[in-house]
PDB file of N, CA and C in Angstrom:
ATOM      1  N   MET A   1     160.825 -50.831  48.841  1.00  0.00           N
ATOM      2  CA  MET A   1     159.838 -51.594  48.093  1.00  0.00           C
ATOM      3  C   MET A   1     159.951 -53.069  48.477  1.00  0.00           C
ATOM      4  N   ALA A   2     158.852 -53.684  48.780  1.00  0.00           N
ATOM      5  CA  ALA A   2     158.849 -55.086  49.163  1.00  0.00           C
ATOM      6  C   ALA A   2     159.049 -55.968  47.939  1.00  0.00           C
ATOM      7  N   GLY A   3     159.777 -57.042  48.127  1.00  0.00           N
ATOM      8  CA  GLY A   3     160.023 -57.970  47.040  1.00  0.00           C
ATOM      9  C   GLY A   3     158.844 -58.894  46.809  1.00  0.00           C
ATOM     10  N   ARG A   4     158.980 -59.712  45.797  1.00  0.00           N
ATOM     11  CA  ARG A   4     157.926 -60.649  45.435  1.00  0.00           C
ATOM     12  C   ARG A   4     157.844 -61.792  46.437  1.00  0.00           C
ATOM     13  N   ASN A   5     158.966 -62.148  47.031  1.00  0.00           N
ATOM     14  CA  ASN A   5     159.035 -63.286  47.924  1.00  0.00           C
ATOM     15  C   ASN A   5     159.140 -62.856  49.378  1.00  0.00           C
ATOM     16  N   TYR A   6     159.100 -63.829  50.254  1.00  0.00           N
ATOM     17  CA  TYR A   6     159.173 -63.625  51.699  1.00  0.00           C
ATOM     18  C   TYR A   6     160.453 -62.878  52.073  1.00  0.00           C
ATOM     19  N   CYS A   7     160.311 -61.800  52.825  1.00  0.00           N
ATOM     20  CA  CYS A   7     161.454 -60.972  53.216  1.00  0.00           C
ATOM     21  C   CYS A   7     161.739 -61.039  54.710  1.00  0.00           C
ATOM     22  N   GLY A   8     160.974 -61.826  55.442  1.00  0.00           N
ATOM     23  CA  GLY A   8     161.149 -61.920  56.882  1.00  0.00           C
ATOM     24  C   GLY A   8     162.399 -62.712  57.251  1.00  0.00           C
ATOM     25  N   PRO A   9     162.653 -62.845  58.538  1.00  0.00           N
ATOM     26  CA  PRO A   9     163.840 -63.574  58.986  1.00  0.00           C
ATOM     27  C   PRO A   9     163.685 -65.085  58.789  1.00  0.00           C
ATOM     28  N   TRP A  10     164.752 -65.714  58.304  1.00  0.00           N
ATOM     29  CA  TRP A  10     164.789 -67.168  58.189  1.00  0.00           C
ATOM     30  C   TRP A  10     166.234 -67.633  58.194  1.00  0.00           C
ATOM     31  N   ARG A  11     166.440 -68.853  58.745  1.00  0.00           N
ATOM     32  CA  ARG A  11     167.784 -69.416  58.827  1.00  0.00           C
ATOM     33  C   ARG A  11     168.247 -69.840  57.451  1.00  0.00           C
ATOM     34  N   ARG A  12     169.434 -69.420  57.067  1.00  0.00           N
ATOM     35  CA  ARG A  12     169.982 -69.766  55.747  1.00  0.00           C
ATOM     36  C   ARG A  12     170.764 -71.074  55.833  1.00  0.00           C
ATOM     37  N   THR A  13     170.043 -72.182  55.972  1.00  0.00           N
ATOM     38  CA  THR A  13     170.681 -73.490  55.981  1.00  0.00           C
ATOM     39  C   THR A  13     170.860 -73.955  54.537  1.00  0.00           C
ATOM     40  N   PRO A  14     171.748 -74.924  54.287  1.00  0.00           N
ATOM     41  CA  PRO A  14     171.952 -75.387  52.904  1.00  0.00           C
ATOM     42  C   PRO A  14     170.678 -75.871  52.226  1.00  0.00           C
ATOM     43  N   GLY A  15     169.835 -76.607  52.935  1.00  0.00           N
ATOM     44  CA  GLY A  15     168.584 -77.101  52.343  1.00  0.00           C
ATOM     45  C   GLY A  15     167.643 -75.973  51.969  1.00  0.00           C
ATOM     46  N   ARG A  16     167.524 -75.005  52.848  1.00  0.00           N
ATOM     47  CA  ARG A  16     166.638 -73.874  52.558  1.00  0.00           C
ATOM     48  C   ARG A  16     167.173 -73.039  51.402  1.00  0.00           C
ATOM     49  N   LEU A  17     168.472 -72.836  51.357  1.00  0.00           N
ATOM     50  CA  LEU A  17     169.054 -72.081  50.250  1.00  0.00           C
ATOM     51  C   LEU A  17     168.872 -72.816  48.927  1.00  0.00           C
ATOM     52  N   LEU A  18     169.022 -74.134  48.942  1.00  0.00           N
ATOM     53  CA  LEU A  18     168.806 -74.922  47.731  1.00  0.00           C
ATOM     54  C   LEU A  18     167.348 -74.821  47.273  1.00  0.00           C
ATOM     55  N   GLY A  19     166.422 -75.033  48.199  1.00  0.00           N
ATOM     56  CA  GLY A  19     165.003 -74.980  47.850  1.00  0.00           C
ATOM     57  C   GLY A  19     164.558 -73.620  47.344  1.00  0.00           C
ATOM     58  N   THR A  20     164.938 -72.562  48.055  1.00  0.00           N
ATOM     59  CA  THR A  20     164.542 -71.223  47.613  1.00  0.00           C
ATOM     60  C   THR A  20     165.254 -70.844  46.317  1.00  0.00           C
ATOM     61  N   GLY A  21     166.473 -71.346  46.135  1.00  0.00           N
ATOM     62  CA  GLY A  21     167.203 -71.079  44.886  1.00  0.00           C
ATOM     63  C   GLY A  21     166.524 -71.707  43.683  1.00  0.00           C
ATOM     64  N   ILE A  22     166.047 -72.940  43.841  1.00  0.00           N
ATOM     65  CA  ILE A  22     165.345 -73.616  42.746  1.00  0.00           C
ATOM     66  C   ILE A  22     164.045 -72.883  42.414  1.00  0.00           C
ATOM     67  N   ILE A  23     163.307 -72.493  43.435  1.00  0.00           N
ATOM     68  CA  ILE A  23     162.051 -71.771  43.201  1.00  0.00           C
ATOM     69  C   ILE A  23     162.326 -70.424  42.544  1.00  0.00           C
ATOM     70  N   ARG A  24     163.341 -69.726  43.000  1.00  0.00           N
ATOM     71  CA  ARG A  24     163.679 -68.423  42.412  1.00  0.00           C
ATOM     72  C   ARG A  24     164.130 -68.583  40.960  1.00  0.00           C
ATOM     73  N   PHE A  25     164.876 -69.640  40.662  1.00  0.00           N
ATOM     74  CA  PHE A  25     165.283 -69.922  39.283  1.00  0.00           C
ATOM     75  C   PHE A  25     164.050 -70.120  38.404  1.00  0.00           C
ATOM     76  N   TYR A  26     163.079 -70.877  38.893  1.00  0.00           N
ATOM     77  CA  TYR A  26     161.824 -71.064  38.166  1.00  0.00           C
ATOM     78  C   TYR A  26     161.129 -69.722  37.932  1.00  0.00           C
ATOM     79  N   GLN A  27     161.081 -68.882  38.966  1.00  0.00           N
ATOM     80  CA  GLN A  27     160.400 -67.596  38.840  1.00  0.00           C
ATOM     81  C   GLN A  27     161.055 -66.717  37.780  1.00  0.00           C
ATOM     82  N   LEU A  28     162.373 -66.764  37.691  1.00  0.00           N
ATOM     83  CA  LEU A  28     163.080 -65.900  36.751  1.00  0.00           C
ATOM     84  C   LEU A  28     163.107 -66.449  35.332  1.00  0.00           C
ATOM     85  N   THR A  29     162.904 -67.756  35.148  1.00  0.00           N
ATOM     86  CA  THR A  29     163.023 -68.341  33.819  1.00  0.00           C
ATOM     87  C   THR A  29     161.688 -68.853  33.279  1.00  0.00           C
ATOM     88  N   LEU A  30     161.136 -69.872  33.871  1.00  0.00           N
ATOM     89  CA  LEU A  30     159.963 -70.554  33.317  1.00  0.00           C
ATOM     90  C   LEU A  30     158.634 -69.896  33.649  1.00  0.00           C
ATOM     91  N   SER A  31     158.563 -69.176  34.729  1.00  0.00           N
ATOM     92  CA  SER A  31     157.301 -68.599  35.172  1.00  0.00           C
ATOM     93  C   SER A  31     156.675 -67.693  34.112  1.00  0.00           C
ATOM     94  N   GLY A  32     157.478 -66.980  33.369  1.00  0.00           N
ATOM     95  CA  GLY A  32     156.954 -66.094  32.331  1.00  0.00           C
ATOM     96  C   GLY A  32     156.292 -66.833  31.183  1.00  0.00           C
ATOM     97  N   PHE A  33     156.716 -68.073  30.934  1.00  0.00           N
ATOM     98  CA  PHE A  33     156.134 -68.866  29.855  1.00  0.00           C
ATOM     99  C   PHE A  33     154.855 -69.576  30.285  1.00  0.00           C
ATOM    100  N   VAL A  34     154.748 -69.895  31.561  1.00  0.00           N
ATOM    101  CA  VAL A  34     153.589 -70.621  32.068  1.00  0.00           C
ATOM    102  C   VAL A  34     152.370 -69.713  32.126  1.00  0.00           C
ATOM    103  N   GLY A  35     152.577 -68.463  32.446  1.00  0.00           N
ATOM    104  CA  GLY A  35     151.478 -67.520  32.497  1.00  0.00           C
ATOM    105  C   GLY A  35     151.075 -67.186  33.925  1.00  0.00           C
ATOM    106  N   ASN A  36     150.265 -66.187  34.053  1.00  0.00           N
ATOM    107  CA  ASN A  36     149.797 -65.733  35.363  1.00  0.00           C
ATOM    108  C   ASN A  36     148.391 -66.256  35.609  1.00  0.00           C
ATOM    109  N   THR A  37     148.290 -67.546  35.872  1.00  0.00           N
ATOM    110  CA  THR A  37     146.972 -68.152  36.023  1.00  0.00           C
ATOM    111  C   THR A  37     146.769 -68.791  37.385  1.00  0.00           C
ATOM    112  N   CYS A  38     147.552 -68.426  38.377  1.00  0.00           N
ATOM    113  CA  CYS A  38     147.413 -69.038  39.690  1.00  0.00           C
ATOM    114  C   CYS A  38     146.084 -68.605  40.317  1.00  0.00           C
ATOM    115  N   ARG A  39     145.417 -69.552  40.940  1.00  0.00           N
ATOM    116  CA  ARG A  39     144.107 -69.307  41.543  1.00  0.00           C
ATOM    117  C   ARG A  39     144.202 -68.850  42.984  1.00  0.00           C
ATOM    118  N   HIS A  40     145.406 -68.779  43.524  1.00  0.00           N
ATOM    119  CA  HIS A  40     145.610 -68.407  44.914  1.00  0.00           C
ATOM    120  C   HIS A  40     146.396 -67.108  45.035  1.00  0.00           C
ATOM    121  N   ALA A  41     146.303 -66.518  46.186  1.00  0.00           N
ATOM    122  CA  ALA A  41     147.166 -65.398  46.550  1.00  0.00           C
ATOM    123  C   ALA A  41     147.773 -65.761  47.889  1.00  0.00           C
ATOM    124  N   PRO A  42     149.042 -65.798  48.028  1.00  0.00           N
ATOM    125  CA  PRO A  42     150.098 -65.581  47.049  1.00  0.00           C
ATOM    126  C   PRO A  42     150.169 -66.711  46.025  1.00  0.00           C
ATOM    127  N   THR A  43     150.894 -66.465  44.934  1.00  0.00           N
ATOM    128  CA  THR A  43     151.001 -67.480  43.893  1.00  0.00           C
ATOM    129  C   THR A  43     151.682 -68.722  44.446  1.00  0.00           C
ATOM    130  N   CYS A  44     151.608 -69.802  43.703  1.00  0.00           N
ATOM    131  CA  CYS A  44     152.177 -71.067  44.176  1.00  0.00           C
ATOM    132  C   CYS A  44     153.691 -70.976  44.368  1.00  0.00           C
ATOM    133  N   SER A  45     154.389 -70.273  43.482  1.00  0.00           N
ATOM    134  CA  SER A  45     155.842 -70.165  43.648  1.00  0.00           C
ATOM    135  C   SER A  45     156.201 -69.268  44.835  1.00  0.00           C
ATOM    136  N   GLU A  46     155.438 -68.209  45.059  1.00  0.00           N
ATOM    137  CA  GLU A  46     155.675 -67.368  46.231  1.00  0.00           C
ATOM    138  C   GLU A  46     155.386 -68.147  47.510  1.00  0.00           C
ATOM    139  N   TYR A  47     154.322 -68.944  47.492  1.00  0.00           N
ATOM    140  CA  TYR A  47     153.973 -69.785  48.631  1.00  0.00           C
ATOM    141  C   TYR A  47     155.103 -70.781  48.908  1.00  0.00           C
ATOM    142  N   GLY A  48     155.602 -71.424  47.856  1.00  0.00           N
ATOM    143  CA  GLY A  48     156.679 -72.394  48.015  1.00  0.00           C
ATOM    144  C   GLY A  48     157.944 -71.768  48.567  1.00  0.00           C
ATOM    145  N   TYR A  49     158.288 -70.595  48.075  1.00  0.00           N
ATOM    146  CA  TYR A  49     159.478 -69.900  48.557  1.00  0.00           C
ATOM    147  C   TYR A  49     159.354 -69.613  50.053  1.00  0.00           C
ATOM    148  N   GLU A  50     158.215 -69.074  50.461  1.00  0.00           N
ATOM    149  CA  GLU A  50     158.019 -68.744  51.874  1.00  0.00           C
ATOM    150  C   GLU A  50     157.947 -69.996  52.741  1.00  0.00           C
ATOM    151  N   ALA A  51     157.285 -71.048  52.256  1.00  0.00           N
ATOM    152  CA  ALA A  51     157.174 -72.278  53.033  1.00  0.00           C
ATOM    153  C   ALA A  51     158.549 -72.893  53.271  1.00  0.00           C
ATOM    154  N   VAL A  52     159.390 -72.926  52.254  1.00  0.00           N
ATOM    155  CA  VAL A  52     160.740 -73.476  52.408  1.00  0.00           C
ATOM    156  C   VAL A  52     161.577 -72.581  53.306  1.00  0.00           C
ATOM    157  N   ALA A  53     161.464 -71.269  53.135  1.00  0.00           N
ATOM    158  CA  ALA A  53     162.245 -70.346  53.959  1.00  0.00           C
ATOM    159  C   ALA A  53     161.851 -70.455  55.434  1.00  0.00           C
ATOM    160  N   ARG A  54     160.578 -70.563  55.714  1.00  0.00           N
ATOM    161  CA  ARG A  54     160.112 -70.608  57.108  1.00  0.00           C
ATOM    162  C   ARG A  54     160.277 -71.974  57.761  1.00  0.00           C
ATOM    163  N   HIS A  55     159.951 -73.048  57.024  1.00  0.00           N
ATOM    164  CA  HIS A  55     159.830 -74.364  57.641  1.00  0.00           C
ATOM    165  C   HIS A  55     160.856 -75.380  57.162  1.00  0.00           C
ATOM    166  N   GLY A  56     161.769 -74.991  56.304  1.00  0.00           N
ATOM    167  CA  GLY A  56     162.810 -75.900  55.844  1.00  0.00           C
ATOM    168  C   GLY A  56     162.449 -76.590  54.544  1.00  0.00           C
ATOM    169  N   LEU A  57     163.451 -77.229  53.948  1.00  0.00           N
ATOM    170  CA  LEU A  57     163.261 -77.853  52.638  1.00  0.00           C
ATOM    171  C   LEU A  57     162.270 -79.010  52.685  1.00  0.00           C
ATOM    172  N   TRP A  58     162.346 -79.865  53.701  1.00  0.00           N
ATOM    173  CA  TRP A  58     161.484 -81.042  53.738  1.00  0.00           C
ATOM    174  C   TRP A  58     160.024 -80.664  53.998  1.00  0.00           C
ATOM    175  N   LYS A  59     159.747 -79.998  55.099  1.00  0.00           N
ATOM    176  CA  LYS A  59     158.358 -79.645  55.429  1.00  0.00           C
ATOM    177  C   LYS A  59     157.806 -78.610  54.452  1.00  0.00           C
ATOM    178  N   GLY A  60     158.574 -77.584  54.158  1.00  0.00           N
ATOM    179  CA  GLY A  60     158.124 -76.561  53.214  1.00  0.00           C
ATOM    180  C   GLY A  60     157.944 -77.103  51.811  1.00  0.00           C
ATOM    181  N   GLY A  61     158.789 -78.040  51.424  1.00  0.00           N
ATOM    182  CA  GLY A  61     158.661 -78.666  50.110  1.00  0.00           C
ATOM    183  C   GLY A  61     157.376 -79.456  49.976  1.00  0.00           C
ATOM    184  N   TRP A  62     157.007 -80.211  51.021  1.00  0.00           N
ATOM    185  CA  TRP A  62     155.737 -80.941  50.997  1.00  0.00           C
ATOM    186  C   TRP A  62     154.561 -79.987  50.954  1.00  0.00           C
ATOM    187  N   MET A  63     154.643 -78.912  51.728  1.00  0.00           N
ATOM    188  CA  MET A  63     153.555 -77.929  51.725  1.00  0.00           C
ATOM    189  C   MET A  63     153.405 -77.311  50.334  1.00  0.00           C
ATOM    190  N   ALA A  64     154.526 -76.982  49.694  1.00  0.00           N
ATOM    191  CA  ALA A  64     154.480 -76.375  48.361  1.00  0.00           C
ATOM    192  C   ALA A  64     153.944 -77.358  47.322  1.00  0.00           C
ATOM    193  N   LEU A  65     154.351 -78.617  47.402  1.00  0.00           N
ATOM    194  CA  LEU A  65     153.866 -79.623  46.458  1.00  0.00           C
ATOM    195  C   LEU A  65     152.352 -79.798  46.571  1.00  0.00           C
ATOM    196  N   PHE A  66     151.858 -79.940  47.795  1.00  0.00           N
ATOM    197  CA  PHE A  66     150.422 -80.126  47.967  1.00  0.00           C
ATOM    198  C   PHE A  66     149.635 -78.880  47.583  1.00  0.00           C
ATOM    199  N   ARG A  67     150.185 -77.713  47.812  1.00  0.00           N
ATOM    200  CA  ARG A  67     149.522 -76.475  47.374  1.00  0.00           C
ATOM    201  C   ARG A  67     149.431 -76.449  45.854  1.00  0.00           C
ATOM    202  N   PHE A  68     150.511 -76.823  45.158  1.00  0.00           N
ATOM    203  CA  PHE A  68     150.521 -76.869  43.702  1.00  0.00           C
ATOM    204  C   PHE A  68     149.481 -77.867  43.189  1.00  0.00           C
ATOM    205  N   MET A  69     149.349 -78.984  43.880  1.00  0.00           N
ATOM    206  CA  MET A  69     148.372 -79.989  43.454  1.00  0.00           C
ATOM    207  C   MET A  69     146.930 -79.502  43.631  1.00  0.00           C
ATOM    208  N   ARG A  70     146.686 -78.656  44.631  1.00  0.00           N
ATOM    209  CA  ARG A  70     145.340 -78.114  44.856  1.00  0.00           C
ATOM    210  C   ARG A  70     144.996 -76.988  43.896  1.00  0.00           C
ATOM    211  N   CYS A  71     145.951 -76.493  43.147  1.00  0.00           N
ATOM    212  CA  CYS A  71     145.760 -75.306  42.314  1.00  0.00           C
ATOM    213  C   CYS A  71     145.116 -75.617  40.964  1.00  0.00           C
ATOM    214  N   GLY A  72     144.929 -76.862  40.619  1.00  0.00           N
ATOM    215  CA  GLY A  72     144.387 -77.221  39.320  1.00  0.00           C
ATOM    216  C   GLY A  72     142.900 -76.977  39.202  1.00  0.00           C
ATOM    217  N   PRO A  73     142.334 -77.329  38.056  1.00  0.00           N
ATOM    218  CA  PRO A  73     140.897 -77.177  37.858  1.00  0.00           C
ATOM    219  C   PRO A  73     140.119 -77.958  38.914  1.00  0.00           C
ATOM    220  N   GLY A  74     139.103 -77.346  39.451  1.00  0.00           N
ATOM    221  CA  GLY A  74     138.304 -77.979  40.486  1.00  0.00           C
ATOM    222  C   GLY A  74     138.953 -77.920  41.866  1.00  0.00           C
ATOM    223  N   GLY A  75     140.106 -77.299  41.966  1.00  0.00           N
ATOM    224  CA  GLY A  75     140.797 -77.195  43.249  1.00  0.00           C
ATOM    225  C   GLY A  75     140.363 -75.968  44.016  1.00  0.00           C
ATOM    226  N   THR A  76     141.147 -75.639  45.022  1.00  0.00           N
ATOM    227  CA  THR A  76     140.817 -74.493  45.864  1.00  0.00           C
ATOM    228  C   THR A  76     141.254 -73.194  45.202  1.00  0.00           C
ATOM    229  N   HIS A  77     140.839 -72.090  45.787  1.00  0.00           N
ATOM    230  CA  HIS A  77     141.221 -70.777  45.295  1.00  0.00           C
ATOM    231  C   HIS A  77     141.104 -69.778  46.437  1.00  0.00           C
ATOM    232  N   GLY A  78     141.657 -68.604  46.248  1.00  0.00           N
ATOM    233  CA  GLY A  78     141.538 -67.546  47.245  1.00  0.00           C
ATOM    234  C   GLY A  78     142.831 -67.292  47.994  1.00  0.00           C
ATOM    235  N   PHE A  79     142.713 -66.571  49.093  1.00  0.00           N
ATOM    236  CA  PHE A  79     143.862 -66.213  49.914  1.00  0.00           C
ATOM    237  C   PHE A  79     144.272 -67.421  50.752  1.00  0.00           C
ATOM    238  N   ASP A  80     145.528 -67.824  50.638  1.00  0.00           N
ATOM    239  CA  ASP A  80     146.022 -69.029  51.306  1.00  0.00           C
ATOM    240  C   ASP A  80     147.453 -68.778  51.780  1.00  0.00           C
ATOM    241  N   PRO A  81     147.643 -68.114  52.922  1.00  0.00           N
ATOM    242  CA  PRO A  81     148.991 -67.791  53.378  1.00  0.00           C
ATOM    243  C   PRO A  81     149.707 -68.993  53.998  1.00  0.00           C
ATOM    244  N   VAL A  82     151.017 -68.919  54.065  1.00  0.00           N
ATOM    245  CA  VAL A  82     151.824 -69.935  54.737  1.00  0.00           C
ATOM    246  C   VAL A  82     151.656 -69.744  56.242  1.00  0.00           C
ATOM    247  N   PRO A  83     151.347 -70.807  56.980  1.00  0.00           N
ATOM    248  CA  PRO A  83     151.213 -70.649  58.432  1.00  0.00           C
ATOM    249  C   PRO A  83     152.556 -70.312  59.071  1.00  0.00           C
ATOM    250  N   GLU A  84     152.521 -69.454  60.073  1.00  0.00           N
ATOM    251  CA  GLU A  84     153.752 -69.076  60.754  1.00  0.00           C
ATOM    252  C   GLU A  84     154.298 -70.220  61.591  1.00  0.00           C
ATOM    253  N   LYS A  85     153.416 -71.009  62.170  1.00  0.00           N
ATOM    254  CA  LYS A  85     153.825 -72.128  63.014  1.00  0.00           C
ATOM    255  C   LYS A  85     153.033 -73.354  62.604  1.00  0.00           C
ATOM    256  N   LEU A  86     153.695 -74.505  62.590  1.00  0.00           N
ATOM    257  CA  LEU A  86     153.039 -75.751  62.225  1.00  0.00           C
ATOM    258  C   LEU A  86     152.603 -76.510  63.470  1.00  0.00           C
ATOM    259  N   ASP A  87     151.569 -77.321  63.317  1.00  0.00           N
ATOM    260  CA  ASP A  87     151.093 -78.155  64.419  1.00  0.00           C
ATOM    261  C   ASP A  87     152.170 -79.155  64.817  1.00  0.00           C
ATOM    262  N   ASP A  88     152.120 -79.602  66.064  1.00  0.00           N
ATOM    263  CA  ASP A  88     153.114 -80.539  66.582  1.00  0.00           C
ATOM    264  C   ASP A  88     152.981 -81.938  65.979  1.00  0.00           C
ATOM    265  N   ASP A  89     151.811 -82.285  65.456  1.00  0.00           N
ATOM    266  CA  ASP A  89     151.627 -83.629  64.912  1.00  0.00           C
ATOM    267  C   ASP A  89     152.207 -83.786  63.508  1.00  0.00           C
ATOM    268  N   LEU A  90     152.726 -82.728  62.920  1.00  0.00           N
ATOM    269  CA  LEU A  90     153.332 -82.822  61.596  1.00  0.00           C
ATOM    270  C   LEU A  90     154.776 -83.272  61.748  1.00  0.00           C
ATOM    271  N   SER A  91     155.094 -84.385  61.119  1.00  0.00           N
ATOM    272  CA  SER A  91     156.408 -84.990  61.260  1.00  0.00           C
ATOM    273  C   SER A  91     157.007 -85.256  59.888  1.00  0.00           C
ATOM    274  N   ALA A  92     158.324 -85.335  59.845  1.00  0.00           N
ATOM    275  CA  ALA A  92     159.012 -85.671  58.600  1.00  0.00           C
ATOM    276  C   ALA A  92     158.673 -87.090  58.148  1.00  0.00           C
ATOM    277  N   PHE A  93     158.221 -87.921  59.075  1.00  0.00           N
ATOM    278  CA  PHE A  93     157.899 -89.310  58.750  1.00  0.00           C
ATOM    279  C   PHE A  93     156.461 -89.493  58.276  1.00  0.00           C
ATOM    280  N   THR A  94     155.653 -88.424  58.317  1.00  0.00           N
ATOM    281  CA  THR A  94     154.264 -88.503  57.868  1.00  0.00           C
ATOM    282  C   THR A  94     153.959 -87.346  56.919  1.00  0.00           C
ATOM    283  N   PRO A  95     154.572 -87.346  55.728  1.00  0.00           N
ATOM    284  CA  PRO A  95     154.382 -86.204  54.828  1.00  0.00           C
ATOM    285  C   PRO A  95     152.964 -86.024  54.321  1.00  0.00           C
ATOM    286  N   TRP A  96     152.137 -87.079  54.310  1.00  0.00           N
ATOM    287  CA  TRP A  96     150.763 -86.944  53.821  1.00  0.00           C
ATOM    288  C   TRP A  96     149.927 -86.014  54.694  1.00  0.00           C
ATOM    289  N   ARG A  97     150.337 -85.796  55.918  1.00  0.00           N
ATOM    290  CA  ARG A  97     149.590 -84.891  56.794  1.00  0.00           C
ATOM    291  C   ARG A  97     149.733 -83.427  56.386  1.00  0.00           C
ATOM    292  N   PHE A  98     150.733 -83.129  55.574  1.00  0.00           N
ATOM    293  CA  PHE A  98     150.934 -81.745  55.137  1.00  0.00           C
ATOM    294  C   PHE A  98     149.848 -81.319  54.131  1.00  0.00           C
ATOM    295  N   TRP A  99     149.062 -82.263  53.612  1.00  0.00           N
ATOM    296  CA  TRP A  99     147.977 -81.925  52.680  1.00  0.00           C
ATOM    297  C   TRP A  99     146.985 -80.966  53.326  1.00  0.00           C
ATOM    298  N   ARG A 100     146.722 -81.117  54.611  1.00  0.00           N
ATOM    299  CA  ARG A 100     145.714 -80.314  55.288  1.00  0.00           C
ATOM    300  C   ARG A 100     146.265 -79.020  55.874  1.00  0.00           C
ATOM    301  N   VAL A 101     147.558 -78.772  55.763  1.00  0.00           N
ATOM    302  CA  VAL A 101     148.178 -77.627  56.434  1.00  0.00           C
ATOM    303  C   VAL A 101     147.563 -76.316  56.001  1.00  0.00           C
ATOM    304  N   SER A 102     147.410 -76.085  54.738  1.00  0.00           N
ATOM    305  CA  SER A 102     147.029 -74.750  54.302  1.00  0.00           C
ATOM    306  C   SER A 102     145.840 -74.732  53.370  1.00  0.00           C
ATOM    307  N   ARG A 103     144.914 -75.630  53.585  1.00  0.00           N
ATOM    308  CA  ARG A 103     143.707 -75.562  52.761  1.00  0.00           C
ATOM    309  C   ARG A 103     143.004 -74.249  52.987  1.00  0.00           C
ATOM    310  N   THR A 104     142.539 -73.676  51.929  1.00  0.00           N
ATOM    311  CA  THR A 104     141.814 -72.420  52.041  1.00  0.00           C
ATOM    312  C   THR A 104     140.539 -72.656  52.838  1.00  0.00           C
ATOM    313  N   ARG A 105     140.365 -71.866  53.849  1.00  0.00           N
ATOM    314  CA  ARG A 105     139.212 -72.055  54.717  1.00  0.00           C
ATOM    315  C   ARG A 105     138.058 -71.193  54.290  1.00  0.00           C
TER     316      ARG A 105
END
């Protein structure tokens, strides 16, 4: 049976373990109180877990934050998967560029 979160291969670096651990803690504790109202598939926490696991704490964290910000009223909706590979112009020094990474097309 497949789990709720990303099950593919990813490097278990300290940053990635910290990021995925925080997201998993949220899923097990607070997520039940917030409700199941996410407008995207996968949910924002599942997206964040996969983004951090695939792309690291810094890049994946920015992607997850911007996805969460787009999830509000008047925001995007629909199927919005984490990209397997990021463009070369995305840098740790330009986090605002991660806003356009996974907009629902």
